[in-house]
Amino acid sequence: MQGVLNQAEFDNPRRLRRWMLRASGWRNATAQHEGGMWDPKEVKLRRGQVMFRIGHSQSWRGPVPMAINLSSPWWFEGETFADIGVTSNNTGLGQQAVARLKLSVSERYGVFDTIICVRLRESLGALRGEGNPVFDPPDPDSTTPPPVWAYPGSNVKQCFIPGLRDFHERPTDLPDAAFELLGTRSVHAWQAIDDKGFLSIR
């Protein structure tokens, strides 16, 4: 893939195969499958494009630094952001709940409470696809089946951006070069964002 900041991740076949595995839900070729997306396709995200993710303000270790949230490879585009808001309005379910289902983000993955909006300083290569359902493990003390994090029949596209972290999950310099942070908001402010537009509340 030519003309993207993370071109090296796509030009090296071995690295690209490893990223494809990660995007498809395999930490490595021998790991247990967990989440990811099915049939990811290579796409170019253009300079100036606005991207979103729902990050985490806290983890079991304490507050999550913005650098960690920005280095996550999982992002989505404005169309997906709008789809989640519309589905929430139509169903009466909260935006956070709909986002977890549509993006297949189990509660065990984090608090999922902070909307992050960035503009791309330069073009980036990404892998785009629809999320695989995530099945929570059964609770031996519960008589109810564990939840499945998916929204049947109405999946949305999401993007995995190789190179924001290395293969040891450490942030690289790519987020600083690639992202202009436009703003962050609580996920519970989604309705206000829908009404005003994210870019107007920078």
N, C-alpha and C. Protein backbone atom coordinates (compact mmCIF):
# COMPACT_ATOMS: atom_id res chain seq x y z
N MET A 1 0.86 -1.18 0.00
CA MET A 1 0.00 0.00 0.00
C MET A 1 0.89 1.24 0.00
N GLN A 2 0.67 2.13 -0.95
CA GLN A 2 1.54 3.27 -1.14
C GLN A 2 0.95 4.54 -0.51
N GLY A 3 1.83 5.44 -0.06
CA GLY A 3 1.41 6.75 0.38
C GLY A 3 0.71 6.80 1.72
N VAL A 4 1.06 5.86 2.64
CA VAL A 4 0.48 5.88 3.97
C VAL A 4 1.62 5.90 4.99
N LEU A 5 1.34 6.48 6.18
CA LEU A 5 2.38 6.59 7.20
C LEU A 5 2.87 5.22 7.67
N ASN A 6 1.98 4.25 7.70
CA ASN A 6 2.35 2.91 8.17
C ASN A 6 2.59 1.95 7.00
N GLN A 7 3.14 2.46 5.92
CA GLN A 7 3.36 1.66 4.72
C GLN A 7 4.23 0.44 4.99
N ALA A 8 5.21 0.56 5.90
CA ALA A 8 6.11 -0.55 6.19
C ALA A 8 5.36 -1.77 6.72
N GLU A 9 4.24 -1.54 7.41
CA GLU A 9 3.47 -2.67 7.96
C GLU A 9 2.78 -3.46 6.85
N PHE A 10 2.54 -2.82 5.73
CA PHE A 10 1.87 -3.48 4.60
C PHE A 10 2.87 -4.01 3.58
N ASP A 11 4.01 -3.38 3.47
CA ASP A 11 5.00 -3.80 2.48
C ASP A 11 5.74 -5.06 2.89
N ASN A 12 5.81 -5.32 4.18
CA ASN A 12 6.49 -6.51 4.69
C ASN A 12 5.47 -7.64 4.83
N PRO A 13 5.51 -8.67 3.96
CA PRO A 13 4.48 -9.71 3.99
C PRO A 13 4.36 -10.42 5.34
N ARG A 14 5.48 -10.64 6.00
CA ARG A 14 5.45 -11.33 7.29
C ARG A 14 4.73 -10.49 8.34
N ARG A 15 5.05 -9.20 8.39
CA ARG A 15 4.37 -8.32 9.35
C ARG A 15 2.89 -8.21 9.03
N LEU A 16 2.56 -8.09 7.74
CA LEU A 16 1.15 -7.98 7.37
C LEU A 16 0.37 -9.21 7.75
N ARG A 17 0.95 -10.40 7.59
CA ARG A 17 0.27 -11.63 8.01
C ARG A 17 -0.01 -11.61 9.51
N ARG A 18 0.96 -11.13 10.28
CA ARG A 18 0.76 -11.06 11.74
C ARG A 18 -0.34 -10.07 12.09
N TRP A 19 -0.38 -8.94 11.40
CA TRP A 19 -1.45 -7.98 11.66
C TRP A 19 -2.80 -8.54 11.24
N MET A 20 -2.85 -9.25 10.13
CA MET A 20 -4.10 -9.88 9.70
C MET A 20 -4.62 -10.85 10.76
N LEU A 21 -3.70 -11.62 11.35
CA LEU A 21 -4.10 -12.53 12.43
C LEU A 21 -4.69 -11.75 13.60
N ARG A 22 -4.01 -10.67 14.00
CA ARG A 22 -4.51 -9.86 15.11
C ARG A 22 -5.89 -9.30 14.79
N ALA A 23 -6.03 -8.74 13.60
CA ALA A 23 -7.31 -8.15 13.22
C ALA A 23 -8.42 -9.18 13.16
N SER A 24 -8.07 -10.42 12.85
CA SER A 24 -9.06 -11.49 12.72
C SER A 24 -9.36 -12.18 14.05
N GLY A 25 -8.70 -11.75 15.12
CA GLY A 25 -8.99 -12.30 16.45
C GLY A 25 -8.02 -13.34 16.95
N TRP A 26 -6.86 -13.44 16.30
CA TRP A 26 -5.84 -14.40 16.73
C TRP A 26 -4.62 -13.62 17.20
N ARG A 27 -4.28 -13.72 18.45
CA ARG A 27 -3.09 -13.03 18.95
C ARG A 27 -1.84 -13.57 18.26
N ASN A 28 -1.85 -14.86 17.99
CA ASN A 28 -0.82 -15.48 17.15
C ASN A 28 -1.42 -16.75 16.56
N ALA A 29 -0.66 -17.45 15.76
CA ALA A 29 -1.21 -18.58 15.00
C ALA A 29 -1.66 -19.73 15.89
N THR A 30 -1.16 -19.80 17.12
CA THR A 30 -1.51 -20.92 18.01
C THR A 30 -2.45 -20.50 19.15
N ALA A 31 -2.80 -19.22 19.21
CA ALA A 31 -3.65 -18.73 20.31
C ALA A 31 -5.11 -19.09 20.09
N GLN A 32 -5.88 -19.03 21.17
CA GLN A 32 -7.32 -19.23 21.07
C GLN A 32 -7.95 -18.03 20.38
N HIS A 33 -8.92 -18.30 19.51
CA HIS A 33 -9.58 -17.20 18.80
C HIS A 33 -10.44 -16.39 19.76
N GLU A 34 -10.38 -15.05 19.60
CA GLU A 34 -11.16 -14.18 20.48
C GLU A 34 -11.50 -12.89 19.74
N GLY A 35 -12.76 -12.75 19.33
CA GLY A 35 -13.23 -11.50 18.75
C GLY A 35 -12.65 -11.22 17.38
N GLY A 36 -12.13 -10.02 17.22
CA GLY A 36 -11.61 -9.61 15.92
C GLY A 36 -12.72 -9.40 14.91
N MET A 37 -12.35 -9.40 13.63
CA MET A 37 -13.33 -9.21 12.56
C MET A 37 -13.17 -10.31 11.52
N TRP A 38 -14.22 -10.51 10.77
CA TRP A 38 -14.13 -11.55 9.74
C TRP A 38 -13.84 -10.90 8.39
N ASP A 39 -13.03 -11.59 7.61
CA ASP A 39 -12.68 -11.19 6.25
C ASP A 39 -12.21 -9.74 6.17
N PRO A 40 -11.18 -9.34 6.93
CA PRO A 40 -10.71 -7.95 6.85
C PRO A 40 -10.10 -7.64 5.49
N LYS A 41 -10.36 -6.43 5.00
CA LYS A 41 -9.85 -5.97 3.71
C LYS A 41 -8.93 -4.77 3.92
N GLU A 42 -7.89 -4.67 3.11
CA GLU A 42 -7.00 -3.53 3.16
C GLU A 42 -7.70 -2.29 2.59
N VAL A 43 -7.62 -1.19 3.33
CA VAL A 43 -8.20 0.08 2.87
C VAL A 43 -7.24 1.21 3.22
N LYS A 44 -7.37 2.31 2.50
CA LYS A 44 -6.59 3.52 2.80
C LYS A 44 -7.52 4.53 3.45
N LEU A 45 -7.18 4.96 4.66
CA LEU A 45 -7.88 6.04 5.34
C LEU A 45 -7.19 7.35 4.96
N ARG A 46 -7.93 8.28 4.42
CA ARG A 46 -7.35 9.46 3.79
C ARG A 46 -7.01 10.56 4.79
N ARG A 47 -5.99 11.32 4.44
CA ARG A 47 -5.64 12.52 5.21
C ARG A 47 -6.86 13.40 5.38
N GLY A 48 -7.09 13.90 6.59
CA GLY A 48 -8.24 14.75 6.88
C GLY A 48 -9.46 13.98 7.33
N GLN A 49 -9.47 12.66 7.18
CA GLN A 49 -10.63 11.86 7.59
C GLN A 49 -10.75 11.86 9.11
N VAL A 50 -12.00 11.88 9.59
CA VAL A 50 -12.28 11.86 11.02
C VAL A 50 -12.58 10.42 11.45
N MET A 51 -11.95 10.01 12.55
CA MET A 51 -12.10 8.65 13.06
C MET A 51 -12.50 8.70 14.53
N PHE A 52 -13.16 7.64 14.96
CA PHE A 52 -13.65 7.53 16.34
C PHE A 52 -13.22 6.20 16.96
N ARG A 53 -13.14 6.19 18.28
CA ARG A 53 -13.10 4.95 19.02
C ARG A 53 -13.72 5.21 20.39
N ILE A 54 -14.14 4.15 21.04
CA ILE A 54 -14.62 4.26 22.42
C ILE A 54 -13.54 3.63 23.29
N GLY A 55 -12.92 4.46 24.09
CA GLY A 55 -11.82 4.01 24.93
C GLY A 55 -12.25 3.81 26.37
N HIS A 56 -11.27 3.69 27.23
CA HIS A 56 -11.50 3.36 28.63
C HIS A 56 -10.81 4.38 29.52
N SER A 57 -11.56 4.97 30.45
CA SER A 57 -10.96 5.92 31.38
C SER A 57 -10.20 5.22 32.49
N GLN A 58 -10.61 3.99 32.80
CA GLN A 58 -10.03 3.24 33.92
C GLN A 58 -9.78 1.80 33.51
N SER A 59 -8.78 1.19 34.15
CA SER A 59 -8.57 -0.25 34.08
C SER A 59 -8.30 -0.73 35.49
N TRP A 60 -8.06 -2.01 35.64
CA TRP A 60 -7.78 -2.53 36.98
C TRP A 60 -6.48 -1.96 37.54
N ARG A 61 -5.63 -1.41 36.67
CA ARG A 61 -4.39 -0.78 37.13
C ARG A 61 -4.60 0.67 37.57
N GLY A 62 -5.72 1.29 37.18
CA GLY A 62 -5.97 2.69 37.49
C GLY A 62 -6.34 3.46 36.24
N PRO A 63 -6.20 4.79 36.26
CA PRO A 63 -6.55 5.60 35.08
C PRO A 63 -5.76 5.19 33.85
N VAL A 64 -6.44 5.18 32.70
CA VAL A 64 -5.81 4.81 31.43
C VAL A 64 -5.32 6.08 30.74
N PRO A 65 -4.01 6.23 30.49
CA PRO A 65 -3.51 7.43 29.82
C PRO A 65 -4.07 7.56 28.40
N MET A 66 -4.21 8.80 27.95
CA MET A 66 -4.71 9.02 26.59
C MET A 66 -3.80 8.38 25.56
N ALA A 67 -2.49 8.34 25.83
CA ALA A 67 -1.55 7.72 24.88
C ALA A 67 -1.89 6.25 24.65
N ILE A 68 -2.37 5.57 25.68
CA ILE A 68 -2.75 4.16 25.53
C ILE A 68 -4.02 4.06 24.70
N ASN A 69 -5.00 4.91 24.97
CA ASN A 69 -6.23 4.89 24.18
C ASN A 69 -5.96 5.20 22.72
N LEU A 70 -5.10 6.19 22.45
CA LEU A 70 -4.83 6.57 21.07
C LEU A 70 -4.03 5.51 20.33
N SER A 71 -3.28 4.70 21.05
CA SER A 71 -2.47 3.67 20.39
C SER A 71 -3.23 2.38 20.12
N SER A 72 -4.47 2.29 20.58
CA SER A 72 -5.25 1.09 20.26
C SER A 72 -5.46 1.00 18.75
N PRO A 73 -5.34 -0.19 18.18
CA PRO A 73 -5.54 -0.31 16.73
C PRO A 73 -7.00 -0.25 16.29
N TRP A 74 -7.95 -0.31 17.23
CA TRP A 74 -9.36 -0.44 16.88
C TRP A 74 -10.03 0.93 16.81
N TRP A 75 -10.51 1.31 15.60
CA TRP A 75 -11.15 2.59 15.33
C TRP A 75 -12.36 2.37 14.41
N PHE A 76 -13.21 3.39 14.31
CA PHE A 76 -14.31 3.31 13.34
C PHE A 76 -14.57 4.67 12.74
N GLU A 77 -15.27 4.65 11.62
CA GLU A 77 -15.51 5.85 10.83
C GLU A 77 -16.85 6.50 11.18
N GLY A 78 -17.08 7.69 10.62
CA GLY A 78 -18.27 8.45 10.95
C GLY A 78 -19.57 7.72 10.64
N GLU A 79 -19.58 6.93 9.59
CA GLU A 79 -20.80 6.19 9.24
C GLU A 79 -21.19 5.22 10.37
N THR A 80 -20.20 4.56 10.95
CA THR A 80 -20.47 3.65 12.05
C THR A 80 -20.92 4.41 13.29
N PHE A 81 -20.27 5.55 13.56
CA PHE A 81 -20.67 6.39 14.69
C PHE A 81 -22.14 6.78 14.56
N ALA A 82 -22.55 7.22 13.36
CA ALA A 82 -23.94 7.63 13.14
C ALA A 82 -24.89 6.44 13.25
N ASP A 83 -24.49 5.28 12.72
CA ASP A 83 -25.35 4.08 12.78
C ASP A 83 -25.67 3.70 14.21
N ILE A 84 -24.65 3.77 15.08
CA ILE A 84 -24.88 3.41 16.49
C ILE A 84 -25.88 4.37 17.13
N GLY A 85 -25.73 5.67 16.84
CA GLY A 85 -26.66 6.65 17.39
C GLY A 85 -28.08 6.44 16.90
N VAL A 86 -28.25 6.18 15.60
CA VAL A 86 -29.58 5.96 15.03
C VAL A 86 -30.22 4.70 15.61
N THR A 87 -29.45 3.62 15.70
CA THR A 87 -29.99 2.37 16.26
C THR A 87 -30.41 2.56 17.70
N SER A 88 -29.62 3.31 18.47
CA SER A 88 -29.99 3.59 19.86
C SER A 88 -31.31 4.35 19.92
N ASN A 89 -31.46 5.36 19.08
CA ASN A 89 -32.71 6.14 19.08
C ASN A 89 -33.91 5.29 18.66
N ASN A 90 -33.71 4.39 17.71
CA ASN A 90 -34.82 3.58 17.20
C ASN A 90 -35.23 2.47 18.16
N THR A 91 -34.28 1.95 18.92
CA THR A 91 -34.57 0.81 19.80
C THR A 91 -34.82 1.20 21.25
N GLY A 92 -34.39 2.40 21.63
CA GLY A 92 -34.51 2.81 23.02
C GLY A 92 -33.40 2.29 23.91
N LEU A 93 -32.46 1.56 23.34
CA LEU A 93 -31.30 1.10 24.10
C LEU A 93 -30.28 2.22 24.20
N GLY A 94 -29.52 2.26 25.27
CA GLY A 94 -28.49 3.27 25.43
C GLY A 94 -27.40 3.12 24.39
N GLN A 95 -26.76 4.24 24.05
CA GLN A 95 -25.71 4.21 23.03
C GLN A 95 -24.56 3.31 23.43
N GLN A 96 -24.20 3.31 24.70
CA GLN A 96 -23.10 2.45 25.13
C GLN A 96 -23.44 0.98 24.91
N ALA A 97 -24.66 0.59 25.25
CA ALA A 97 -25.08 -0.81 25.07
C ALA A 97 -25.09 -1.18 23.59
N VAL A 98 -25.64 -0.30 22.75
CA VAL A 98 -25.67 -0.58 21.31
C VAL A 98 -24.26 -0.65 20.75
N ALA A 99 -23.40 0.26 21.18
CA ALA A 99 -22.02 0.24 20.69
C ALA A 99 -21.31 -1.06 21.08
N ARG A 100 -21.50 -1.52 22.30
CA ARG A 100 -20.89 -2.80 22.71
C ARG A 100 -21.38 -3.94 21.81
N LEU A 101 -22.66 -3.96 21.51
CA LEU A 101 -23.22 -5.04 20.69
C LEU A 101 -22.75 -4.93 19.24
N LYS A 102 -22.80 -3.74 18.69
CA LYS A 102 -22.45 -3.58 17.27
C LYS A 102 -20.96 -3.75 17.03
N LEU A 103 -20.14 -3.34 18.00
CA LEU A 103 -18.70 -3.45 17.83
C LEU A 103 -18.14 -4.72 18.49
N SER A 104 -19.01 -5.51 19.12
CA SER A 104 -18.62 -6.78 19.76
C SER A 104 -17.55 -6.57 20.83
N VAL A 105 -17.87 -5.67 21.78
CA VAL A 105 -16.94 -5.35 22.87
C VAL A 105 -17.54 -5.83 24.18
N SER A 106 -17.06 -6.95 24.67
CA SER A 106 -17.54 -7.51 25.93
C SER A 106 -17.23 -6.58 27.09
N GLU A 107 -18.02 -6.65 28.15
CA GLU A 107 -17.77 -5.85 29.35
C GLU A 107 -16.44 -6.20 29.98
N ARG A 108 -15.96 -7.42 29.76
CA ARG A 108 -14.67 -7.80 30.35
C ARG A 108 -13.50 -7.15 29.64
N TYR A 109 -13.75 -6.49 28.51
CA TYR A 109 -12.67 -5.80 27.80
C TYR A 109 -12.36 -4.42 28.39
N GLY A 110 -13.26 -3.86 29.21
CA GLY A 110 -13.01 -2.55 29.79
C GLY A 110 -14.28 -1.76 30.01
N VAL A 111 -14.12 -0.57 30.61
CA VAL A 111 -15.30 0.22 30.98
C VAL A 111 -15.95 0.89 29.78
N PHE A 112 -15.20 1.12 28.69
CA PHE A 112 -15.81 1.52 27.41
C PHE A 112 -16.66 2.78 27.60
N ASP A 113 -16.05 3.83 28.14
CA ASP A 113 -16.84 4.97 28.58
C ASP A 113 -16.43 6.31 27.98
N THR A 114 -15.43 6.33 27.09
CA THR A 114 -14.92 7.60 26.58
C THR A 114 -14.87 7.60 25.06
N ILE A 115 -15.62 8.50 24.44
CA ILE A 115 -15.57 8.66 22.98
C ILE A 115 -14.37 9.53 22.63
N ILE A 116 -13.55 9.05 21.73
CA ILE A 116 -12.35 9.76 21.30
C ILE A 116 -12.49 10.04 19.80
N CYS A 117 -12.27 11.29 19.41
CA CYS A 117 -12.40 11.71 18.02
C CYS A 117 -11.09 12.32 17.55
N VAL A 118 -10.58 11.84 16.42
CA VAL A 118 -9.33 12.36 15.86
C VAL A 118 -9.52 12.67 14.38
N ARG A 119 -8.65 13.55 13.88
CA ARG A 119 -8.54 13.77 12.45
C ARG A 119 -7.17 13.27 12.00
N LEU A 120 -7.12 12.59 10.85
CA LEU A 120 -5.86 12.04 10.36
C LEU A 120 -5.00 13.16 9.78
N ARG A 121 -3.77 13.27 10.29
CA ARG A 121 -2.82 14.24 9.76
C ARG A 121 -2.29 13.80 8.39
N GLU A 122 -2.18 12.49 8.22
CA GLU A 122 -1.73 11.89 6.97
C GLU A 122 -2.51 10.61 6.74
N SER A 123 -2.46 10.08 5.54
CA SER A 123 -3.19 8.86 5.23
C SER A 123 -2.58 7.67 5.98
N LEU A 124 -3.45 6.72 6.33
CA LEU A 124 -3.04 5.50 7.03
C LEU A 124 -3.62 4.29 6.32
N GLY A 125 -2.88 3.20 6.33
CA GLY A 125 -3.43 1.92 5.89
C GLY A 125 -4.16 1.26 7.04
N ALA A 126 -5.25 0.56 6.73
CA ALA A 126 -6.03 -0.11 7.75
C ALA A 126 -6.62 -1.39 7.19
N LEU A 127 -7.11 -2.22 8.09
CA LEU A 127 -7.86 -3.43 7.75
C LEU A 127 -9.28 -3.20 8.23
N ARG A 128 -10.25 -3.29 7.31
CA ARG A 128 -11.64 -2.98 7.63
C ARG A 128 -12.50 -4.23 7.51
N GLY A 129 -13.42 -4.41 8.45
CA GLY A 129 -14.35 -5.54 8.39
C GLY A 129 -15.42 -5.43 9.46
N GLU A 130 -16.28 -6.43 9.50
CA GLU A 130 -17.34 -6.50 10.51
C GLU A 130 -16.88 -7.39 11.65
N GLY A 131 -17.24 -7.01 12.87
CA GLY A 131 -16.77 -7.72 14.04
C GLY A 131 -17.33 -9.13 14.17
N ASN A 132 -16.47 -10.05 14.63
CA ASN A 132 -16.94 -11.38 15.00
C ASN A 132 -17.67 -11.31 16.34
N PRO A 133 -18.73 -12.09 16.53
CA PRO A 133 -19.37 -12.13 17.85
C PRO A 133 -18.37 -12.57 18.91
N VAL A 134 -18.49 -11.97 20.08
CA VAL A 134 -17.65 -12.34 21.23
C VAL A 134 -18.53 -13.07 22.24
N PHE A 135 -18.11 -14.28 22.59
CA PHE A 135 -18.86 -15.12 23.52
C PHE A 135 -18.18 -15.07 24.88
N ASP A 136 -18.89 -14.59 25.90
CA ASP A 136 -18.32 -14.60 27.24
C ASP A 136 -18.28 -16.02 27.78
N PRO A 137 -17.28 -16.35 28.59
CA PRO A 137 -17.21 -17.69 29.17
C PRO A 137 -18.35 -17.92 30.16
N PRO A 138 -18.80 -19.15 30.32
CA PRO A 138 -19.90 -19.42 31.24
C PRO A 138 -19.47 -19.19 32.68
N ASP A 139 -20.42 -18.74 33.49
CA ASP A 139 -20.20 -18.56 34.92
C ASP A 139 -20.73 -19.80 35.63
N PRO A 140 -19.88 -20.55 36.30
CA PRO A 140 -20.34 -21.80 36.93
C PRO A 140 -21.39 -21.58 38.01
N ASP A 141 -21.48 -20.36 38.56
CA ASP A 141 -22.45 -20.08 39.62
C ASP A 141 -23.76 -19.50 39.10
N SER A 142 -23.87 -19.37 37.77
CA SER A 142 -25.06 -18.76 37.19
C SER A 142 -25.88 -19.79 36.42
N THR A 143 -27.20 -19.62 36.47
CA THR A 143 -28.10 -20.51 35.72
C THR A 143 -28.48 -19.91 34.36
N THR A 144 -28.07 -18.68 34.10
CA THR A 144 -28.38 -18.03 32.82
C THR A 144 -27.18 -18.15 31.88
N PRO A 145 -27.44 -18.25 30.59
CA PRO A 145 -26.32 -18.37 29.64
C PRO A 145 -25.50 -17.08 29.61
N PRO A 146 -24.22 -17.18 29.31
CA PRO A 146 -23.39 -15.97 29.22
C PRO A 146 -23.79 -15.12 28.03
N PRO A 147 -23.54 -13.83 28.09
CA PRO A 147 -23.94 -12.95 26.97
C PRO A 147 -23.09 -13.17 25.73
N VAL A 148 -23.69 -12.87 24.58
CA VAL A 148 -22.99 -12.85 23.30
C VAL A 148 -23.00 -11.40 22.83
N TRP A 149 -21.81 -10.86 22.53
CA TRP A 149 -21.71 -9.45 22.15
C TRP A 149 -21.73 -9.34 20.64
N ALA A 150 -22.93 -9.16 20.10
CA ALA A 150 -23.13 -9.01 18.67
C ALA A 150 -24.53 -8.44 18.46
N TYR A 151 -24.75 -7.83 17.29
CA TYR A 151 -26.04 -7.26 16.95
C TYR A 151 -26.49 -7.91 15.65
N PRO A 152 -27.21 -9.03 15.73
CA PRO A 152 -27.49 -9.83 14.53
C PRO A 152 -28.20 -9.05 13.44
N GLY A 153 -27.72 -9.22 12.23
CA GLY A 153 -28.39 -8.65 11.07
C GLY A 153 -28.09 -7.19 10.81
N SER A 154 -27.31 -6.56 11.68
CA SER A 154 -27.03 -5.14 11.49
C SER A 154 -25.62 -4.82 11.96
N ASN A 155 -24.65 -5.52 11.37
CA ASN A 155 -23.26 -5.29 11.74
C ASN A 155 -22.76 -3.97 11.17
N VAL A 156 -21.70 -3.45 11.76
CA VAL A 156 -21.09 -2.22 11.28
C VAL A 156 -19.62 -2.48 10.98
N LYS A 157 -19.05 -1.62 10.16
CA LYS A 157 -17.64 -1.74 9.81
C LYS A 157 -16.77 -1.09 10.89
N GLN A 158 -15.64 -1.71 11.15
CA GLN A 158 -14.65 -1.10 12.01
C GLN A 158 -13.28 -1.31 11.39
N CYS A 159 -12.31 -0.57 11.90
CA CYS A 159 -10.97 -0.58 11.31
C CYS A 159 -9.92 -0.98 12.33
N PHE A 160 -8.97 -1.77 11.87
CA PHE A 160 -7.79 -2.13 12.65
C PHE A 160 -6.61 -1.47 11.95
N ILE A 161 -5.88 -0.59 12.68
CA ILE A 161 -4.79 0.18 12.09
C ILE A 161 -3.46 -0.39 12.56
N PRO A 162 -2.75 -1.13 11.71
CA PRO A 162 -1.46 -1.70 12.09
C PRO A 162 -0.42 -0.62 12.39
N GLY A 163 0.40 -0.87 13.40
CA GLY A 163 1.54 -0.01 13.68
C GLY A 163 1.33 1.01 14.77
N LEU A 164 0.09 1.19 15.25
CA LEU A 164 -0.12 2.11 16.37
C LEU A 164 0.52 1.56 17.64
N ARG A 165 0.55 0.23 17.74
CA ARG A 165 1.31 -0.46 18.78
C ARG A 165 2.21 -1.48 18.10
N ASP A 166 3.24 -1.91 18.83
CA ASP A 166 4.07 -2.97 18.28
C ASP A 166 3.47 -4.32 18.66
N PHE A 167 4.13 -5.40 18.31
CA PHE A 167 3.56 -6.72 18.56
C PHE A 167 3.62 -7.12 20.03
N HIS A 168 4.25 -6.30 20.86
CA HIS A 168 4.27 -6.50 22.31
C HIS A 168 3.28 -5.58 23.02
N GLU A 169 2.39 -4.94 22.24
CA GLU A 169 1.34 -4.06 22.75
C GLU A 169 1.88 -2.75 23.31
N ARG A 170 3.09 -2.35 22.92
CA ARG A 170 3.65 -1.08 23.37
C ARG A 170 3.34 0.00 22.34
N PRO A 171 2.90 1.21 22.79
CA PRO A 171 2.64 2.31 21.84
C PRO A 171 3.88 2.66 21.05
N THR A 172 3.67 2.99 19.78
CA THR A 172 4.76 3.46 18.92
C THR A 172 4.64 4.98 18.77
N ASP A 173 5.46 5.55 17.90
CA ASP A 173 5.37 6.98 17.61
C ASP A 173 4.27 7.32 16.60
N LEU A 174 3.65 6.30 16.02
CA LEU A 174 2.68 6.54 14.95
C LEU A 174 1.48 7.37 15.39
N PRO A 175 0.87 7.15 16.58
CA PRO A 175 -0.30 7.97 16.94
C PRO A 175 0.00 9.46 16.93
N ASP A 176 1.17 9.88 17.44
CA ASP A 176 1.51 11.30 17.46
C ASP A 176 1.63 11.86 16.05
N ALA A 177 2.19 11.06 15.14
CA ALA A 177 2.36 11.51 13.77
C ALA A 177 1.04 11.49 13.00
N ALA A 178 0.15 10.58 13.35
CA ALA A 178 -1.04 10.32 12.53
C ALA A 178 -2.28 11.07 12.99
N PHE A 179 -2.42 11.36 14.29
CA PHE A 179 -3.69 11.82 14.83
C PHE A 179 -3.61 13.26 15.34
N GLU A 180 -4.59 14.05 14.96
CA GLU A 180 -4.90 15.32 15.62
C GLU A 180 -6.11 15.06 16.50
N LEU A 181 -5.95 15.17 17.80
CA LEU A 181 -7.05 14.90 18.72
C LEU A 181 -8.05 16.03 18.66
N LEU A 182 -9.29 15.73 18.25
CA LEU A 182 -10.34 16.74 18.14
C LEU A 182 -11.13 16.89 19.43
N GLY A 183 -11.21 15.82 20.21
CA GLY A 183 -11.95 15.93 21.46
C GLY A 183 -12.26 14.59 22.06
N THR A 184 -12.65 14.59 23.31
CA THR A 184 -13.11 13.40 24.01
C THR A 184 -14.39 13.78 24.75
N ARG A 185 -15.28 12.83 24.87
CA ARG A 185 -16.52 13.02 25.61
C ARG A 185 -16.92 11.71 26.28
N SER A 186 -17.66 11.84 27.35
CA SER A 186 -18.24 10.65 27.97
C SER A 186 -19.18 9.97 26.98
N VAL A 187 -19.22 8.66 27.01
CA VAL A 187 -20.12 7.94 26.11
C VAL A 187 -21.57 8.31 26.39
N HIS A 188 -21.85 8.78 27.59
CA HIS A 188 -23.23 9.17 27.92
C HIS A 188 -23.63 10.50 27.30
N ALA A 189 -22.66 11.21 26.70
CA ALA A 189 -22.96 12.47 26.01
C ALA A 189 -23.27 12.24 24.54
N TRP A 190 -23.43 10.99 24.12
CA TRP A 190 -23.60 10.66 22.71
C TRP A 190 -24.76 11.42 22.07
N GLN A 191 -25.87 11.55 22.80
CA GLN A 191 -27.03 12.22 22.23
C GLN A 191 -26.71 13.68 21.93
N ALA A 192 -25.99 14.34 22.84
CA ALA A 192 -25.61 15.73 22.59
C ALA A 192 -24.68 15.82 21.40
N ILE A 193 -23.81 14.85 21.26
CA ILE A 193 -22.91 14.84 20.11
C ILE A 193 -23.71 14.65 18.82
N ASP A 194 -24.70 13.76 18.86
CA ASP A 194 -25.56 13.56 17.69
C ASP A 194 -26.23 14.88 17.30
N ASP A 195 -26.67 15.65 18.30
CA ASP A 195 -27.45 16.85 18.03
C ASP A 195 -26.55 17.98 17.49
N LYS A 196 -25.33 18.09 18.01
CA LYS A 196 -24.49 19.24 17.69
C LYS A 196 -23.41 18.94 16.65
N GLY A 197 -23.02 17.68 16.59
CA GLY A 197 -21.89 17.32 15.74
C GLY A 197 -20.61 17.40 16.54
N PHE A 198 -19.80 16.34 16.46
CA PHE A 198 -18.60 16.27 17.30
C PHE A 198 -17.64 17.41 17.01
N LEU A 199 -17.50 17.77 15.75
CA LEU A 199 -16.49 18.76 15.40
C LEU A 199 -16.80 20.13 15.99
N SER A 200 -18.07 20.39 16.31
CA SER A 200 -18.44 21.71 16.83
C SER A 200 -18.11 21.86 18.31
N ILE A 201 -17.72 20.76 18.98
CA ILE A 201 -17.46 20.85 20.43
C ILE A 201 -15.98 20.63 20.71
N ARG A 202 -15.12 20.94 19.76
CA ARG A 202 -13.69 20.84 20.00
C ARG A 202 -13.26 21.77 21.11
